Amino acid sequence: MKETIKCYRCGKEYDRKDLKEIISCAHCHKQMKINEKSQKRFRIVRYMFVLAVCLVIAFCMNMATGNNYLALLVTLGIAMLLASFSDSWCFKLTDVLFGLEYEEYTPVKISNKDRIKMENQKKKKGLFRK
């Protein structure tokens, strides 16, 4: 595993301390995003991480209380919290296990006119809910 992330445009290297899905280069101001292959691996690692933690907690709660329903409720609550807060841990874990590969990222800006047109198309198809 490399210790640095290299910008695809200017070649400046950055430390891998703060891994994120999208990284901005401080030198040339271009953005890099993890590629599709790394995104799939990250999702798998995040699901397995949440599942493993929830299974351990459910087992411990069930052994301590003997109440399956309480264990289920606590586990569901912790799973919801972990799913939203575990991204930084899972990025680091994915990087350690598989390595993260970055590519060029250009954010797409949609004008208000195009946004209204897309919403109207969704309404016609029945995909838009108020």
Protein backbone atom coordinates (compact mmCIF):
# COMPACT_ATOMS: atom_id res chain seq x y z
CA MET A 1 0.00 0.00 0.00
CA LYS A 2 1.31 3.42 -0.96
CA GLU A 3 1.73 6.01 1.78
CA THR A 4 0.63 8.90 -0.45
CA ILE A 5 -2.04 9.84 -2.99
CA LYS A 6 -0.72 11.40 -6.18
CA CYS A 7 -2.72 14.04 -8.07
CA TYR A 8 -3.46 12.81 -11.60
CA ARG A 9 -2.93 16.31 -13.06
CA CYS A 10 0.00 18.03 -11.33
CA GLY A 11 1.65 15.05 -9.61
CA LYS A 12 1.63 16.57 -6.11
CA GLU A 13 1.55 13.89 -3.42
CA TYR A 14 -0.69 13.94 -0.36
CA ASP A 15 -0.69 11.92 2.83
CA ARG A 16 -3.32 9.18 3.16
CA LYS A 17 -4.47 10.32 6.61
CA ASP A 18 -7.82 11.78 5.57
CA LEU A 19 -9.28 9.44 2.97
CA LYS A 20 -12.55 10.56 1.42
CA GLU A 21 -14.62 9.76 -1.64
CA ILE A 22 -13.69 13.07 -3.29
CA ILE A 23 -10.34 14.80 -2.69
CA SER A 24 -9.38 18.28 -3.92
CA CYS A 25 -5.78 19.03 -4.85
CA ALA A 26 -4.55 22.10 -2.98
CA HIS A 27 -2.00 22.82 -5.71
CA CYS A 28 -4.02 22.71 -8.96
CA HIS A 29 -7.54 22.71 -7.42
CA LYS A 30 -8.69 19.69 -9.43
CA GLN A 31 -10.88 17.10 -7.78
CA MET A 32 -10.24 13.36 -7.66
CA LYS A 33 -12.87 10.71 -6.96
CA ILE A 34 -12.41 7.03 -6.21
CA ASN A 35 -13.08 4.95 -9.30
CA GLU A 36 -15.99 2.54 -9.77
CA LYS A 37 -13.98 -0.54 -8.79
CA SER A 38 -12.90 1.07 -5.49
CA GLN A 39 -16.46 2.29 -4.85
CA LYS A 40 -17.79 -1.28 -5.13
CA ARG A 41 -15.11 -2.55 -2.77
CA PHE A 42 -15.87 0.26 -0.31
CA ARG A 43 -19.59 -0.58 -0.29
CA ILE A 44 -18.85 -4.25 0.37
CA VAL A 45 -16.45 -3.40 3.20
CA ARG A 46 -19.00 -0.98 4.74
CA TYR A 47 -21.82 -3.57 4.63
CA MET A 48 -19.59 -6.28 6.10
CA PHE A 49 -18.33 -3.91 8.81
CA VAL A 50 -21.84 -2.89 9.87
CA LEU A 51 -23.04 -6.51 9.73
CA ALA A 52 -20.12 -7.78 11.84
CA VAL A 53 -20.53 -5.10 14.51
CA CYS A 54 -24.31 -5.62 14.66
CA LEU A 55 -23.96 -9.40 14.96
CA VAL A 56 -21.52 -9.05 17.84
CA ILE A 57 -23.76 -6.55 19.64
CA ALA A 58 -26.90 -8.65 19.05
CA PHE A 59 -25.16 -11.76 20.37
CA CYS A 60 -23.91 -9.92 23.48
CA MET A 61 -27.32 -8.34 24.14
CA ASN A 62 -29.07 -11.67 23.71
CA MET A 63 -26.64 -13.42 26.05
CA ALA A 64 -26.89 -10.65 28.68
CA THR A 65 -30.65 -10.14 28.70
CA GLY A 66 -32.07 -13.25 27.05
CA ASN A 67 -34.54 -10.96 25.31
CA ASN A 68 -34.45 -11.36 21.52
CA TYR A 69 -36.65 -8.32 20.85
CA LEU A 70 -34.50 -5.95 22.88
CA ALA A 71 -31.38 -7.26 21.15
CA LEU A 72 -33.04 -6.72 17.76
CA LEU A 73 -34.09 -3.13 18.56
CA VAL A 74 -30.68 -2.15 19.92
CA THR A 75 -28.95 -3.77 16.96
CA LEU A 76 -31.15 -1.95 14.43
CA GLY A 77 -30.45 1.38 16.14
CA ILE A 78 -26.71 0.78 16.14
CA ALA A 79 -26.80 -0.35 12.48
CA MET A 80 -28.48 2.91 11.49
CA LEU A 81 -25.87 4.94 13.39
CA LEU A 82 -22.96 2.93 12.02
CA ALA A 83 -24.18 3.25 8.43
CA SER A 84 -23.97 7.02 8.64
CA PHE A 85 -20.81 7.43 10.76
CA SER A 86 -18.58 4.56 9.65
CA ASP A 87 -17.49 5.91 6.26
CA SER A 88 -14.08 7.21 7.38
CA TRP A 89 -13.24 3.91 9.10
CA CYS A 90 -14.43 1.90 6.11
CA PHE A 91 -12.43 4.04 3.65
CA LYS A 92 -9.30 3.34 5.68
CA LEU A 93 -10.16 -0.36 5.94
CA THR A 94 -10.80 -0.58 2.19
CA ASP A 95 -7.49 1.17 1.54
CA VAL A 96 -5.64 -1.28 3.78
CA LEU A 97 -7.32 -4.37 2.29
CA PHE A 98 -7.54 -3.46 -1.40
CA GLY A 99 -6.13 0.02 -1.97
CA LEU A 100 -8.14 2.96 -3.27
CA GLU A 101 -7.66 4.21 -6.80
CA TYR A 102 -8.58 7.78 -7.71
CA GLU A 103 -9.56 9.29 -11.06
CA GLU A 104 -10.52 12.69 -12.43
CA TYR A 105 -13.79 14.09 -11.16
CA THR A 106 -15.73 16.94 -12.73
CA PRO A 107 -18.93 17.86 -10.89
CA VAL A 108 -21.92 18.25 -13.15
CA LYS A 109 -23.79 21.52 -12.77
CA ILE A 110 -27.45 21.42 -13.75
CA SER A 111 -29.21 24.67 -14.58
CA ASN A 112 -32.60 25.45 -13.05
CA LYS A 113 -34.21 25.13 -16.48
CA ASP A 114 -32.83 21.61 -16.93
CA ARG A 115 -33.76 20.68 -13.34
CA ILE A 116 -37.38 21.74 -13.93
CA LYS A 117 -37.43 19.78 -17.19
CA MET A 118 -36.17 16.64 -15.41
CA GLU A 119 -38.78 17.01 -12.64
CA ASN A 120 -41.54 17.37 -15.25
CA GLN A 121 -40.34 14.19 -16.96
CA LYS A 122 -40.38 12.36 -13.63
CA LYS A 123 -43.90 13.58 -12.94
CA LYS A 124 -45.07 12.24 -16.31
CA LYS A 125 -43.51 8.86 -15.57
CA GLY A 126 -44.96 8.82 -12.03
CA LEU A 127 -41.53 8.74 -10.37
CA PHE A 128 -41.89 12.05 -8.55
CA ARG A 129 -43.66 12.26 -5.23
CA LYS A 130 -44.63 15.44 -3.45
